[in-house]
Amino acid sequence: VRECFEEAGVLVAVDADGVTIGGDH
């Protein structure tokens, strides 16, 4: 997940409500 964030700018993560973060986070 970290490497994907570094290299592609995409982070697989959810907020405190369990909602997947979008492009404006």
PDBML (XML) file of the C-alpha atoms, coordinates in Angstrom:
<?xml version="1.0" encoding="UTF-8" ?>
<PDBx:datablock datablockName="MODEL"
   xmlns:PDBx="http://pdbml.pdb.org/schema/pdbx-v50.xsd"
   xmlns:xsi="http://www.w3.org/2001/XMLSchema-instance"
   xsi:schemaLocation="http://pdbml.pdb.org/schema/pdbx-v50.xsd pdbx-v50.xsd">
   <PDBx:atom_siteCategory>
      <PDBx:atom_site id="1">
         <PDBx:B_iso_or_equiv>0.00</PDBx:B_iso_or_equiv>
         <PDBx:Cartn_x>0.000</PDBx:Cartn_x>
         <PDBx:Cartn_y>0.000</PDBx:Cartn_y>
         <PDBx:Cartn_z>0.000</PDBx:Cartn_z>
         <PDBx:auth_asym_id>A</PDBx:auth_asym_id>
         <PDBx:auth_atom_id>CA</PDBx:auth_atom_id>
         <PDBx:auth_comp_id>VAL</PDBx:auth_comp_id>
         <PDBx:auth_seq_id>1</PDBx:auth_seq_id>
         <PDBx:group_PDB>ATOM</PDBx:group_PDB>
         <PDBx:label_alt_id xsi:nil="true" />
         <PDBx:label_asym_id>A</PDBx:label_asym_id>
         <PDBx:label_atom_id>CA</PDBx:label_atom_id>
         <PDBx:label_comp_id>VAL</PDBx:label_comp_id>
         <PDBx:label_entity_id>1</PDBx:label_entity_id>
         <PDBx:label_seq_id>1</PDBx:label_seq_id>
         <PDBx:occupancy>1.00</PDBx:occupancy>
         <PDBx:pdbx_PDB_model_num>1</PDBx:pdbx_PDB_model_num>
         <PDBx:type_symbol>C</PDBx:type_symbol>
      </PDBx:atom_site>
      <PDBx:atom_site id="2">
         <PDBx:B_iso_or_equiv>0.00</PDBx:B_iso_or_equiv>
         <PDBx:Cartn_x>2.824</PDBx:Cartn_x>
         <PDBx:Cartn_y>2.403</PDBx:Cartn_y>
         <PDBx:Cartn_z>0.889</PDBx:Cartn_z>
         <PDBx:auth_asym_id>A</PDBx:auth_asym_id>
         <PDBx:auth_atom_id>CA</PDBx:auth_atom_id>
         <PDBx:auth_comp_id>ARG</PDBx:auth_comp_id>
         <PDBx:auth_seq_id>2</PDBx:auth_seq_id>
         <PDBx:group_PDB>ATOM</PDBx:group_PDB>
         <PDBx:label_alt_id xsi:nil="true" />
         <PDBx:label_asym_id>A</PDBx:label_asym_id>
         <PDBx:label_atom_id>CA</PDBx:label_atom_id>
         <PDBx:label_comp_id>ARG</PDBx:label_comp_id>
         <PDBx:label_entity_id>1</PDBx:label_entity_id>
         <PDBx:label_seq_id>2</PDBx:label_seq_id>
         <PDBx:occupancy>1.00</PDBx:occupancy>
         <PDBx:pdbx_PDB_model_num>1</PDBx:pdbx_PDB_model_num>
         <PDBx:type_symbol>C</PDBx:type_symbol>
      </PDBx:atom_site>
      <PDBx:atom_site id="3">
         <PDBx:B_iso_or_equiv>0.00</PDBx:B_iso_or_equiv>
         <PDBx:Cartn_x>4.727</PDBx:Cartn_x>
         <PDBx:Cartn_y>1.725</PDBx:Cartn_y>
         <PDBx:Cartn_z>-2.352</PDBx:Cartn_z>
         <PDBx:auth_asym_id>A</PDBx:auth_asym_id>
         <PDBx:auth_atom_id>CA</PDBx:auth_atom_id>
         <PDBx:auth_comp_id>GLU</PDBx:auth_comp_id>
         <PDBx:auth_seq_id>3</PDBx:auth_seq_id>
         <PDBx:group_PDB>ATOM</PDBx:group_PDB>
         <PDBx:label_alt_id xsi:nil="true" />
         <PDBx:label_asym_id>A</PDBx:label_asym_id>
         <PDBx:label_atom_id>CA</PDBx:label_atom_id>
         <PDBx:label_comp_id>GLU</PDBx:label_comp_id>
         <PDBx:label_entity_id>1</PDBx:label_entity_id>
         <PDBx:label_seq_id>3</PDBx:label_seq_id>
         <PDBx:occupancy>1.00</PDBx:occupancy>
         <PDBx:pdbx_PDB_model_num>1</PDBx:pdbx_PDB_model_num>
         <PDBx:type_symbol>C</PDBx:type_symbol>
      </PDBx:atom_site>
      <PDBx:atom_site id="4">
         <PDBx:B_iso_or_equiv>0.00</PDBx:B_iso_or_equiv>
         <PDBx:Cartn_x>1.564</PDBx:Cartn_x>
         <PDBx:Cartn_y>2.245</PDBx:Cartn_y>
         <PDBx:Cartn_z>-4.390</PDBx:Cartn_z>
         <PDBx:auth_asym_id>A</PDBx:auth_asym_id>
         <PDBx:auth_atom_id>CA</PDBx:auth_atom_id>
         <PDBx:auth_comp_id>CYS</PDBx:auth_comp_id>
         <PDBx:auth_seq_id>4</PDBx:auth_seq_id>
         <PDBx:group_PDB>ATOM</PDBx:group_PDB>
         <PDBx:label_alt_id xsi:nil="true" />
         <PDBx:label_asym_id>A</PDBx:label_asym_id>
         <PDBx:label_atom_id>CA</PDBx:label_atom_id>
         <PDBx:label_comp_id>CYS</PDBx:label_comp_id>
         <PDBx:label_entity_id>1</PDBx:label_entity_id>
         <PDBx:label_seq_id>4</PDBx:label_seq_id>
         <PDBx:occupancy>1.00</PDBx:occupancy>
         <PDBx:pdbx_PDB_model_num>1</PDBx:pdbx_PDB_model_num>
         <PDBx:type_symbol>C</PDBx:type_symbol>
      </PDBx:atom_site>
      <PDBx:atom_site id="5">
         <PDBx:B_iso_or_equiv>0.00</PDBx:B_iso_or_equiv>
         <PDBx:Cartn_x>1.078</PDBx:Cartn_x>
         <PDBx:Cartn_y>5.613</PDBx:Cartn_y>
         <PDBx:Cartn_z>-2.681</PDBx:Cartn_z>
         <PDBx:auth_asym_id>A</PDBx:auth_asym_id>
         <PDBx:auth_atom_id>CA</PDBx:auth_atom_id>
         <PDBx:auth_comp_id>PHE</PDBx:auth_comp_id>
         <PDBx:auth_seq_id>5</PDBx:auth_seq_id>
         <PDBx:group_PDB>ATOM</PDBx:group_PDB>
         <PDBx:label_alt_id xsi:nil="true" />
         <PDBx:label_asym_id>A</PDBx:label_asym_id>
         <PDBx:label_atom_id>CA</PDBx:label_atom_id>
         <PDBx:label_comp_id>PHE</PDBx:label_comp_id>
         <PDBx:label_entity_id>1</PDBx:label_entity_id>
         <PDBx:label_seq_id>5</PDBx:label_seq_id>
         <PDBx:occupancy>1.00</PDBx:occupancy>
         <PDBx:pdbx_PDB_model_num>1</PDBx:pdbx_PDB_model_num>
         <PDBx:type_symbol>C</PDBx:type_symbol>
      </PDBx:atom_site>
      <PDBx:atom_site id="6">
         <PDBx:B_iso_or_equiv>0.00</PDBx:B_iso_or_equiv>
         <PDBx:Cartn_x>4.694</PDBx:Cartn_x>
         <PDBx:Cartn_y>6.646</PDBx:Cartn_y>
         <PDBx:Cartn_z>-3.338</PDBx:Cartn_z>
         <PDBx:auth_asym_id>A</PDBx:auth_asym_id>
         <PDBx:auth_atom_id>CA</PDBx:auth_atom_id>
         <PDBx:auth_comp_id>GLU</PDBx:auth_comp_id>
         <PDBx:auth_seq_id>6</PDBx:auth_seq_id>
         <PDBx:group_PDB>ATOM</PDBx:group_PDB>
         <PDBx:label_alt_id xsi:nil="true" />
         <PDBx:label_asym_id>A</PDBx:label_asym_id>
         <PDBx:label_atom_id>CA</PDBx:label_atom_id>
         <PDBx:label_comp_id>GLU</PDBx:label_comp_id>
         <PDBx:label_entity_id>1</PDBx:label_entity_id>
         <PDBx:label_seq_id>6</PDBx:label_seq_id>
         <PDBx:occupancy>1.00</PDBx:occupancy>
         <PDBx:pdbx_PDB_model_num>1</PDBx:pdbx_PDB_model_num>
         <PDBx:type_symbol>C</PDBx:type_symbol>
      </PDBx:atom_site>
      <PDBx:atom_site id="7">
         <PDBx:B_iso_or_equiv>0.00</PDBx:B_iso_or_equiv>
         <PDBx:Cartn_x>4.947</PDBx:Cartn_x>
         <PDBx:Cartn_y>5.479</PDBx:Cartn_y>
         <PDBx:Cartn_z>-6.934</PDBx:Cartn_z>
         <PDBx:auth_asym_id>A</PDBx:auth_asym_id>
         <PDBx:auth_atom_id>CA</PDBx:auth_atom_id>
         <PDBx:auth_comp_id>GLU</PDBx:auth_comp_id>
         <PDBx:auth_seq_id>7</PDBx:auth_seq_id>
         <PDBx:group_PDB>ATOM</PDBx:group_PDB>
         <PDBx:label_alt_id xsi:nil="true" />
         <PDBx:label_asym_id>A</PDBx:label_asym_id>
         <PDBx:label_atom_id>CA</PDBx:label_atom_id>
         <PDBx:label_comp_id>GLU</PDBx:label_comp_id>
         <PDBx:label_entity_id>1</PDBx:label_entity_id>
         <PDBx:label_seq_id>7</PDBx:label_seq_id>
         <PDBx:occupancy>1.00</PDBx:occupancy>
         <PDBx:pdbx_PDB_model_num>1</PDBx:pdbx_PDB_model_num>
         <PDBx:type_symbol>C</PDBx:type_symbol>
      </PDBx:atom_site>
      <PDBx:atom_site id="8">
         <PDBx:B_iso_or_equiv>0.00</PDBx:B_iso_or_equiv>
         <PDBx:Cartn_x>1.408</PDBx:Cartn_x>
         <PDBx:Cartn_y>5.920</PDBx:Cartn_y>
         <PDBx:Cartn_z>-8.267</PDBx:Cartn_z>
         <PDBx:auth_asym_id>A</PDBx:auth_asym_id>
         <PDBx:auth_atom_id>CA</PDBx:auth_atom_id>
         <PDBx:auth_comp_id>ALA</PDBx:auth_comp_id>
         <PDBx:auth_seq_id>8</PDBx:auth_seq_id>
         <PDBx:group_PDB>ATOM</PDBx:group_PDB>
         <PDBx:label_alt_id xsi:nil="true" />
         <PDBx:label_asym_id>A</PDBx:label_asym_id>
         <PDBx:label_atom_id>CA</PDBx:label_atom_id>
         <PDBx:label_comp_id>ALA</PDBx:label_comp_id>
         <PDBx:label_entity_id>1</PDBx:label_entity_id>
         <PDBx:label_seq_id>8</PDBx:label_seq_id>
         <PDBx:occupancy>1.00</PDBx:occupancy>
         <PDBx:pdbx_PDB_model_num>1</PDBx:pdbx_PDB_model_num>
         <PDBx:type_symbol>C</PDBx:type_symbol>
      </PDBx:atom_site>
      <PDBx:atom_site id="9">
         <PDBx:B_iso_or_equiv>0.00</PDBx:B_iso_or_equiv>
         <PDBx:Cartn_x>-0.132</PDBx:Cartn_x>
         <PDBx:Cartn_y>8.495</PDBx:Cartn_y>
         <PDBx:Cartn_z>-5.919</PDBx:Cartn_z>
         <PDBx:auth_asym_id>A</PDBx:auth_asym_id>
         <PDBx:auth_atom_id>CA</PDBx:auth_atom_id>
         <PDBx:auth_comp_id>GLY</PDBx:auth_comp_id>
         <PDBx:auth_seq_id>9</PDBx:auth_seq_id>
         <PDBx:group_PDB>ATOM</PDBx:group_PDB>
         <PDBx:label_alt_id xsi:nil="true" />
         <PDBx:label_asym_id>A</PDBx:label_asym_id>
         <PDBx:label_atom_id>CA</PDBx:label_atom_id>
         <PDBx:label_comp_id>GLY</PDBx:label_comp_id>
         <PDBx:label_entity_id>1</PDBx:label_entity_id>
         <PDBx:label_seq_id>9</PDBx:label_seq_id>
         <PDBx:occupancy>1.00</PDBx:occupancy>
         <PDBx:pdbx_PDB_model_num>1</PDBx:pdbx_PDB_model_num>
         <PDBx:type_symbol>C</PDBx:type_symbol>
      </PDBx:atom_site>
      <PDBx:atom_site id="10">
         <PDBx:B_iso_or_equiv>0.00</PDBx:B_iso_or_equiv>
         <PDBx:Cartn_x>-2.987</PDBx:Cartn_x>
         <PDBx:Cartn_y>6.136</PDBx:Cartn_y>
         <PDBx:Cartn_z>-5.003</PDBx:Cartn_z>
         <PDBx:auth_asym_id>A</PDBx:auth_asym_id>
         <PDBx:auth_atom_id>CA</PDBx:auth_atom_id>
         <PDBx:auth_comp_id>VAL</PDBx:auth_comp_id>
         <PDBx:auth_seq_id>10</PDBx:auth_seq_id>
         <PDBx:group_PDB>ATOM</PDBx:group_PDB>
         <PDBx:label_alt_id xsi:nil="true" />
         <PDBx:label_asym_id>A</PDBx:label_asym_id>
         <PDBx:label_atom_id>CA</PDBx:label_atom_id>
         <PDBx:label_comp_id>VAL</PDBx:label_comp_id>
         <PDBx:label_entity_id>1</PDBx:label_entity_id>
         <PDBx:label_seq_id>10</PDBx:label_seq_id>
         <PDBx:occupancy>1.00</PDBx:occupancy>
         <PDBx:pdbx_PDB_model_num>1</PDBx:pdbx_PDB_model_num>
         <PDBx:type_symbol>C</PDBx:type_symbol>
      </PDBx:atom_site>
      <PDBx:atom_site id="11">
         <PDBx:B_iso_or_equiv>0.00</PDBx:B_iso_or_equiv>
         <PDBx:Cartn_x>-3.632</PDBx:Cartn_x>
         <PDBx:Cartn_y>5.333</PDBx:Cartn_y>
         <PDBx:Cartn_z>-1.329</PDBx:Cartn_z>
         <PDBx:auth_asym_id>A</PDBx:auth_asym_id>
         <PDBx:auth_atom_id>CA</PDBx:auth_atom_id>
         <PDBx:auth_comp_id>LEU</PDBx:auth_comp_id>
         <PDBx:auth_seq_id>11</PDBx:auth_seq_id>
         <PDBx:group_PDB>ATOM</PDBx:group_PDB>
         <PDBx:label_alt_id xsi:nil="true" />
         <PDBx:label_asym_id>A</PDBx:label_asym_id>
         <PDBx:label_atom_id>CA</PDBx:label_atom_id>
         <PDBx:label_comp_id>LEU</PDBx:label_comp_id>
         <PDBx:label_entity_id>1</PDBx:label_entity_id>
         <PDBx:label_seq_id>11</PDBx:label_seq_id>
         <PDBx:occupancy>1.00</PDBx:occupancy>
         <PDBx:pdbx_PDB_model_num>1</PDBx:pdbx_PDB_model_num>
         <PDBx:type_symbol>C</PDBx:type_symbol>
      </PDBx:atom_site>
      <PDBx:atom_site id="12">
         <PDBx:B_iso_or_equiv>0.00</PDBx:B_iso_or_equiv>
         <PDBx:Cartn_x>-5.913</PDBx:Cartn_x>
         <PDBx:Cartn_y>2.444</PDBx:Cartn_y>
         <PDBx:Cartn_z>-0.384</PDBx:Cartn_z>
         <PDBx:auth_asym_id>A</PDBx:auth_asym_id>
         <PDBx:auth_atom_id>CA</PDBx:auth_atom_id>
         <PDBx:auth_comp_id>VAL</PDBx:auth_comp_id>
         <PDBx:auth_seq_id>12</PDBx:auth_seq_id>
         <PDBx:group_PDB>ATOM</PDBx:group_PDB>
         <PDBx:label_alt_id xsi:nil="true" />
         <PDBx:label_asym_id>A</PDBx:label_asym_id>
         <PDBx:label_atom_id>CA</PDBx:label_atom_id>
         <PDBx:label_comp_id>VAL</PDBx:label_comp_id>
         <PDBx:label_entity_id>1</PDBx:label_entity_id>
         <PDBx:label_seq_id>12</PDBx:label_seq_id>
         <PDBx:occupancy>1.00</PDBx:occupancy>
         <PDBx:pdbx_PDB_model_num>1</PDBx:pdbx_PDB_model_num>
         <PDBx:type_symbol>C</PDBx:type_symbol>
      </PDBx:atom_site>
      <PDBx:atom_site id="13">
         <PDBx:B_iso_or_equiv>0.00</PDBx:B_iso_or_equiv>
         <PDBx:Cartn_x>-7.327</PDBx:Cartn_x>
         <PDBx:Cartn_y>3.742</PDBx:Cartn_y>
         <PDBx:Cartn_z>2.906</PDBx:Cartn_z>
         <PDBx:auth_asym_id>A</PDBx:auth_asym_id>
         <PDBx:auth_atom_id>CA</PDBx:auth_atom_id>
         <PDBx:auth_comp_id>ALA</PDBx:auth_comp_id>
         <PDBx:auth_seq_id>13</PDBx:auth_seq_id>
         <PDBx:group_PDB>ATOM</PDBx:group_PDB>
         <PDBx:label_alt_id xsi:nil="true" />
         <PDBx:label_asym_id>A</PDBx:label_asym_id>
         <PDBx:label_atom_id>CA</PDBx:label_atom_id>
         <PDBx:label_comp_id>ALA</PDBx:label_comp_id>
         <PDBx:label_entity_id>1</PDBx:label_entity_id>
         <PDBx:label_seq_id>13</PDBx:label_seq_id>
         <PDBx:occupancy>1.00</PDBx:occupancy>
         <PDBx:pdbx_PDB_model_num>1</PDBx:pdbx_PDB_model_num>
         <PDBx:type_symbol>C</PDBx:type_symbol>
      </PDBx:atom_site>
      <PDBx:atom_site id="14">
         <PDBx:B_iso_or_equiv>0.00</PDBx:B_iso_or_equiv>
         <PDBx:Cartn_x>-10.582</PDBx:Cartn_x>
         <PDBx:Cartn_y>4.408</PDBx:Cartn_y>
         <PDBx:Cartn_z>4.745</PDBx:Cartn_z>
         <PDBx:auth_asym_id>A</PDBx:auth_asym_id>
         <PDBx:auth_atom_id>CA</PDBx:auth_atom_id>
         <PDBx:auth_comp_id>VAL</PDBx:auth_comp_id>
         <PDBx:auth_seq_id>14</PDBx:auth_seq_id>
         <PDBx:group_PDB>ATOM</PDBx:group_PDB>
         <PDBx:label_alt_id xsi:nil="true" />
         <PDBx:label_asym_id>A</PDBx:label_asym_id>
         <PDBx:label_atom_id>CA</PDBx:label_atom_id>
         <PDBx:label_comp_id>VAL</PDBx:label_comp_id>
         <PDBx:label_entity_id>1</PDBx:label_entity_id>
         <PDBx:label_seq_id>14</PDBx:label_seq_id>
         <PDBx:occupancy>1.00</PDBx:occupancy>
         <PDBx:pdbx_PDB_model_num>1</PDBx:pdbx_PDB_model_num>
         <PDBx:type_symbol>C</PDBx:type_symbol>
      </PDBx:atom_site>
      <PDBx:atom_site id="15">
         <PDBx:B_iso_or_equiv>0.00</PDBx:B_iso_or_equiv>
         <PDBx:Cartn_x>-11.562</PDBx:Cartn_x>
         <PDBx:Cartn_y>7.207</PDBx:Cartn_y>
         <PDBx:Cartn_z>7.118</PDBx:Cartn_z>
         <PDBx:auth_asym_id>A</PDBx:auth_asym_id>
         <PDBx:auth_atom_id>CA</PDBx:auth_atom_id>
         <PDBx:auth_comp_id>ASP</PDBx:auth_comp_id>
         <PDBx:auth_seq_id>15</PDBx:auth_seq_id>
         <PDBx:group_PDB>ATOM</PDBx:group_PDB>
         <PDBx:label_alt_id xsi:nil="true" />
         <PDBx:label_asym_id>A</PDBx:label_asym_id>
         <PDBx:label_atom_id>CA</PDBx:label_atom_id>
         <PDBx:label_comp_id>ASP</PDBx:label_comp_id>
         <PDBx:label_entity_id>1</PDBx:label_entity_id>
         <PDBx:label_seq_id>15</PDBx:label_seq_id>
         <PDBx:occupancy>1.00</PDBx:occupancy>
         <PDBx:pdbx_PDB_model_num>1</PDBx:pdbx_PDB_model_num>
         <PDBx:type_symbol>C</PDBx:type_symbol>
      </PDBx:atom_site>
      <PDBx:atom_site id="16">
         <PDBx:B_iso_or_equiv>0.00</PDBx:B_iso_or_equiv>
         <PDBx:Cartn_x>-12.942</PDBx:Cartn_x>
         <PDBx:Cartn_y>6.878</PDBx:Cartn_y>
         <PDBx:Cartn_z>10.630</PDBx:Cartn_z>
         <PDBx:auth_asym_id>A</PDBx:auth_asym_id>
         <PDBx:auth_atom_id>CA</PDBx:auth_atom_id>
         <PDBx:auth_comp_id>ALA</PDBx:auth_comp_id>
         <PDBx:auth_seq_id>16</PDBx:auth_seq_id>
         <PDBx:group_PDB>ATOM</PDBx:group_PDB>
         <PDBx:label_alt_id xsi:nil="true" />
         <PDBx:label_asym_id>A</PDBx:label_asym_id>
         <PDBx:label_atom_id>CA</PDBx:label_atom_id>
         <PDBx:label_comp_id>ALA</PDBx:label_comp_id>
         <PDBx:label_entity_id>1</PDBx:label_entity_id>
         <PDBx:label_seq_id>16</PDBx:label_seq_id>
         <PDBx:occupancy>1.00</PDBx:occupancy>
         <PDBx:pdbx_PDB_model_num>1</PDBx:pdbx_PDB_model_num>
         <PDBx:type_symbol>C</PDBx:type_symbol>
      </PDBx:atom_site>
      <PDBx:atom_site id="17">
         <PDBx:B_iso_or_equiv>0.00</PDBx:B_iso_or_equiv>
         <PDBx:Cartn_x>-16.383</PDBx:Cartn_x>
         <PDBx:Cartn_y>6.033</PDBx:Cartn_y>
         <PDBx:Cartn_z>9.210</PDBx:Cartn_z>
         <PDBx:auth_asym_id>A</PDBx:auth_asym_id>
         <PDBx:auth_atom_id>CA</PDBx:auth_atom_id>
         <PDBx:auth_comp_id>ASP</PDBx:auth_comp_id>
         <PDBx:auth_seq_id>17</PDBx:auth_seq_id>
         <PDBx:group_PDB>ATOM</PDBx:group_PDB>
         <PDBx:label_alt_id xsi:nil="true" />
         <PDBx:label_asym_id>A</PDBx:label_asym_id>
         <PDBx:label_atom_id>CA</PDBx:label_atom_id>
         <PDBx:label_comp_id>ASP</PDBx:label_comp_id>
         <PDBx:label_entity_id>1</PDBx:label_entity_id>
         <PDBx:label_seq_id>17</PDBx:label_seq_id>
         <PDBx:occupancy>1.00</PDBx:occupancy>
         <PDBx:pdbx_PDB_model_num>1</PDBx:pdbx_PDB_model_num>
         <PDBx:type_symbol>C</PDBx:type_symbol>
      </PDBx:atom_site>
      <PDBx:atom_site id="18">
         <PDBx:B_iso_or_equiv>0.00</PDBx:B_iso_or_equiv>
         <PDBx:Cartn_x>-14.960</PDBx:Cartn_x>
         <PDBx:Cartn_y>3.245</PDBx:Cartn_y>
         <PDBx:Cartn_z>7.047</PDBx:Cartn_z>
         <PDBx:auth_asym_id>A</PDBx:auth_asym_id>
         <PDBx:auth_atom_id>CA</PDBx:auth_atom_id>
         <PDBx:auth_comp_id>GLY</PDBx:auth_comp_id>
         <PDBx:auth_seq_id>18</PDBx:auth_seq_id>
         <PDBx:group_PDB>ATOM</PDBx:group_PDB>
         <PDBx:label_alt_id xsi:nil="true" />
         <PDBx:label_asym_id>A</PDBx:label_asym_id>
         <PDBx:label_atom_id>CA</PDBx:label_atom_id>
         <PDBx:label_comp_id>GLY</PDBx:label_comp_id>
         <PDBx:label_entity_id>1</PDBx:label_entity_id>
         <PDBx:label_seq_id>18</PDBx:label_seq_id>
         <PDBx:occupancy>1.00</PDBx:occupancy>
         <PDBx:pdbx_PDB_model_num>1</PDBx:pdbx_PDB_model_num>
         <PDBx:type_symbol>C</PDBx:type_symbol>
      </PDBx:atom_site>
      <PDBx:atom_site id="19">
         <PDBx:B_iso_or_equiv>0.00</PDBx:B_iso_or_equiv>
         <PDBx:Cartn_x>-15.447</PDBx:Cartn_x>
         <PDBx:Cartn_y>5.241</PDBx:Cartn_y>
         <PDBx:Cartn_z>3.849</PDBx:Cartn_z>
         <PDBx:auth_asym_id>A</PDBx:auth_asym_id>
         <PDBx:auth_atom_id>CA</PDBx:auth_atom_id>
         <PDBx:auth_comp_id>VAL</PDBx:auth_comp_id>
         <PDBx:auth_seq_id>19</PDBx:auth_seq_id>
         <PDBx:group_PDB>ATOM</PDBx:group_PDB>
         <PDBx:label_alt_id xsi:nil="true" />
         <PDBx:label_asym_id>A</PDBx:label_asym_id>
         <PDBx:label_atom_id>CA</PDBx:label_atom_id>
         <PDBx:label_comp_id>VAL</PDBx:label_comp_id>
         <PDBx:label_entity_id>1</PDBx:label_entity_id>
         <PDBx:label_seq_id>19</PDBx:label_seq_id>
         <PDBx:occupancy>1.00</PDBx:occupancy>
         <PDBx:pdbx_PDB_model_num>1</PDBx:pdbx_PDB_model_num>
         <PDBx:type_symbol>C</PDBx:type_symbol>
      </PDBx:atom_site>
      <PDBx:atom_site id="20">
         <PDBx:B_iso_or_equiv>0.00</PDBx:B_iso_or_equiv>
         <PDBx:Cartn_x>-12.826</PDBx:Cartn_x>
         <PDBx:Cartn_y>4.861</PDBx:Cartn_y>
         <PDBx:Cartn_z>1.134</PDBx:Cartn_z>
         <PDBx:auth_asym_id>A</PDBx:auth_asym_id>
         <PDBx:auth_atom_id>CA</PDBx:auth_atom_id>
         <PDBx:auth_comp_id>THR</PDBx:auth_comp_id>
         <PDBx:auth_seq_id>20</PDBx:auth_seq_id>
         <PDBx:group_PDB>ATOM</PDBx:group_PDB>
         <PDBx:label_alt_id xsi:nil="true" />
         <PDBx:label_asym_id>A</PDBx:label_asym_id>
         <PDBx:label_atom_id>CA</PDBx:label_atom_id>
         <PDBx:label_comp_id>THR</PDBx:label_comp_id>
         <PDBx:label_entity_id>1</PDBx:label_entity_id>
         <PDBx:label_seq_id>20</PDBx:label_seq_id>
         <PDBx:occupancy>1.00</PDBx:occupancy>
         <PDBx:pdbx_PDB_model_num>1</PDBx:pdbx_PDB_model_num>
         <PDBx:type_symbol>C</PDBx:type_symbol>
      </PDBx:atom_site>
      <PDBx:atom_site id="21">
         <PDBx:B_iso_or_equiv>0.00</PDBx:B_iso_or_equiv>
         <PDBx:Cartn_x>-10.959</PDBx:Cartn_x>
         <PDBx:Cartn_y>8.123</PDBx:Cartn_y>
         <PDBx:Cartn_z>0.635</PDBx:Cartn_z>
         <PDBx:auth_asym_id>A</PDBx:auth_asym_id>
         <PDBx:auth_atom_id>CA</PDBx:auth_atom_id>
         <PDBx:auth_comp_id>ILE</PDBx:auth_comp_id>
         <PDBx:auth_seq_id>21</PDBx:auth_seq_id>
         <PDBx:group_PDB>ATOM</PDBx:group_PDB>
         <PDBx:label_alt_id xsi:nil="true" />
         <PDBx:label_asym_id>A</PDBx:label_asym_id>
         <PDBx:label_atom_id>CA</PDBx:label_atom_id>
         <PDBx:label_comp_id>ILE</PDBx:label_comp_id>
         <PDBx:label_entity_id>1</PDBx:label_entity_id>
         <PDBx:label_seq_id>21</PDBx:label_seq_id>
         <PDBx:occupancy>1.00</PDBx:occupancy>
         <PDBx:pdbx_PDB_model_num>1</PDBx:pdbx_PDB_model_num>
         <PDBx:type_symbol>C</PDBx:type_symbol>
      </PDBx:atom_site>
      <PDBx:atom_site id="22">
         <PDBx:B_iso_or_equiv>0.00</PDBx:B_iso_or_equiv>
         <PDBx:Cartn_x>-11.428</PDBx:Cartn_x>
         <PDBx:Cartn_y>9.877</PDBx:Cartn_y>
         <PDBx:Cartn_z>-2.692</PDBx:Cartn_z>
         <PDBx:auth_asym_id>A</PDBx:auth_asym_id>
         <PDBx:auth_atom_id>CA</PDBx:auth_atom_id>
         <PDBx:auth_comp_id>GLY</PDBx:auth_comp_id>
         <PDBx:auth_seq_id>22</PDBx:auth_seq_id>
         <PDBx:group_PDB>ATOM</PDBx:group_PDB>
         <PDBx:label_alt_id xsi:nil="true" />
         <PDBx:label_asym_id>A</PDBx:label_asym_id>
         <PDBx:label_atom_id>CA</PDBx:label_atom_id>
         <PDBx:label_comp_id>GLY</PDBx:label_comp_id>
         <PDBx:label_entity_id>1</PDBx:label_entity_id>
         <PDBx:label_seq_id>22</PDBx:label_seq_id>
         <PDBx:occupancy>1.00</PDBx:occupancy>
         <PDBx:pdbx_PDB_model_num>1</PDBx:pdbx_PDB_model_num>
         <PDBx:type_symbol>C</PDBx:type_symbol>
      </PDBx:atom_site>
      <PDBx:atom_site id="23">
         <PDBx:B_iso_or_equiv>0.00</PDBx:B_iso_or_equiv>
         <PDBx:Cartn_x>-9.381</PDBx:Cartn_x>
         <PDBx:Cartn_y>12.151</PDBx:Cartn_y>
         <PDBx:Cartn_z>-4.886</PDBx:Cartn_z>
         <PDBx:auth_asym_id>A</PDBx:auth_asym_id>
         <PDBx:auth_atom_id>CA</PDBx:auth_atom_id>
         <PDBx:auth_comp_id>GLY</PDBx:auth_comp_id>
         <PDBx:auth_seq_id>23</PDBx:auth_seq_id>
         <PDBx:group_PDB>ATOM</PDBx:group_PDB>
         <PDBx:label_alt_id xsi:nil="true" />
         <PDBx:label_asym_id>A</PDBx:label_asym_id>
         <PDBx:label_atom_id>CA</PDBx:label_atom_id>
         <PDBx:label_comp_id>GLY</PDBx:label_comp_id>
         <PDBx:label_entity_id>1</PDBx:label_entity_id>
         <PDBx:label_seq_id>23</PDBx:label_seq_id>
         <PDBx:occupancy>1.00</PDBx:occupancy>
         <PDBx:pdbx_PDB_model_num>1</PDBx:pdbx_PDB_model_num>
         <PDBx:type_symbol>C</PDBx:type_symbol>
      </PDBx:atom_site>
      <PDBx:atom_site id="24">
         <PDBx:B_iso_or_equiv>0.00</PDBx:B_iso_or_equiv>
         <PDBx:Cartn_x>-9.986</PDBx:Cartn_x>
         <PDBx:Cartn_y>15.287</PDBx:Cartn_y>
         <PDBx:Cartn_z>-2.788</PDBx:Cartn_z>
         <PDBx:auth_asym_id>A</PDBx:auth_asym_id>
         <PDBx:auth_atom_id>CA</PDBx:auth_atom_id>
         <PDBx:auth_comp_id>ASP</PDBx:auth_comp_id>
         <PDBx:auth_seq_id>24</PDBx:auth_seq_id>
         <PDBx:group_PDB>ATOM</PDBx:group_PDB>
         <PDBx:label_alt_id xsi:nil="true" />
         <PDBx:label_asym_id>A</PDBx:label_asym_id>
         <PDBx:label_atom_id>CA</PDBx:label_atom_id>
         <PDBx:label_comp_id>ASP</PDBx:label_comp_id>
         <PDBx:label_entity_id>1</PDBx:label_entity_id>
         <PDBx:label_seq_id>24</PDBx:label_seq_id>
         <PDBx:occupancy>1.00</PDBx:occupancy>
         <PDBx:pdbx_PDB_model_num>1</PDBx:pdbx_PDB_model_num>
         <PDBx:type_symbol>C</PDBx:type_symbol>
      </PDBx:atom_site>
      <PDBx:atom_site id="25">
         <PDBx:B_iso_or_equiv>0.00</PDBx:B_iso_or_equiv>
         <PDBx:Cartn_x>-8.689</PDBx:Cartn_x>
         <PDBx:Cartn_y>13.924</PDBx:Cartn_y>
         <PDBx:Cartn_z>0.524</PDBx:Cartn_z>
         <PDBx:auth_asym_id>A</PDBx:auth_asym_id>
         <PDBx:auth_atom_id>CA</PDBx:auth_atom_id>
         <PDBx:auth_comp_id>HIS</PDBx:auth_comp_id>
         <PDBx:auth_seq_id>25</PDBx:auth_seq_id>
         <PDBx:group_PDB>ATOM</PDBx:group_PDB>
         <PDBx:label_alt_id xsi:nil="true" />
         <PDBx:label_asym_id>A</PDBx:label_asym_id>
         <PDBx:label_atom_id>CA</PDBx:label_atom_id>
         <PDBx:label_comp_id>HIS</PDBx:label_comp_id>
         <PDBx:label_entity_id>1</PDBx:label_entity_id>
         <PDBx:label_seq_id>25</PDBx:label_seq_id>
         <PDBx:occupancy>1.00</PDBx:occupancy>
         <PDBx:pdbx_PDB_model_num>1</PDBx:pdbx_PDB_model_num>
         <PDBx:type_symbol>C</PDBx:type_symbol>
      </PDBx:atom_site>
   </PDBx:atom_siteCategory>
</PDBx:datablock>
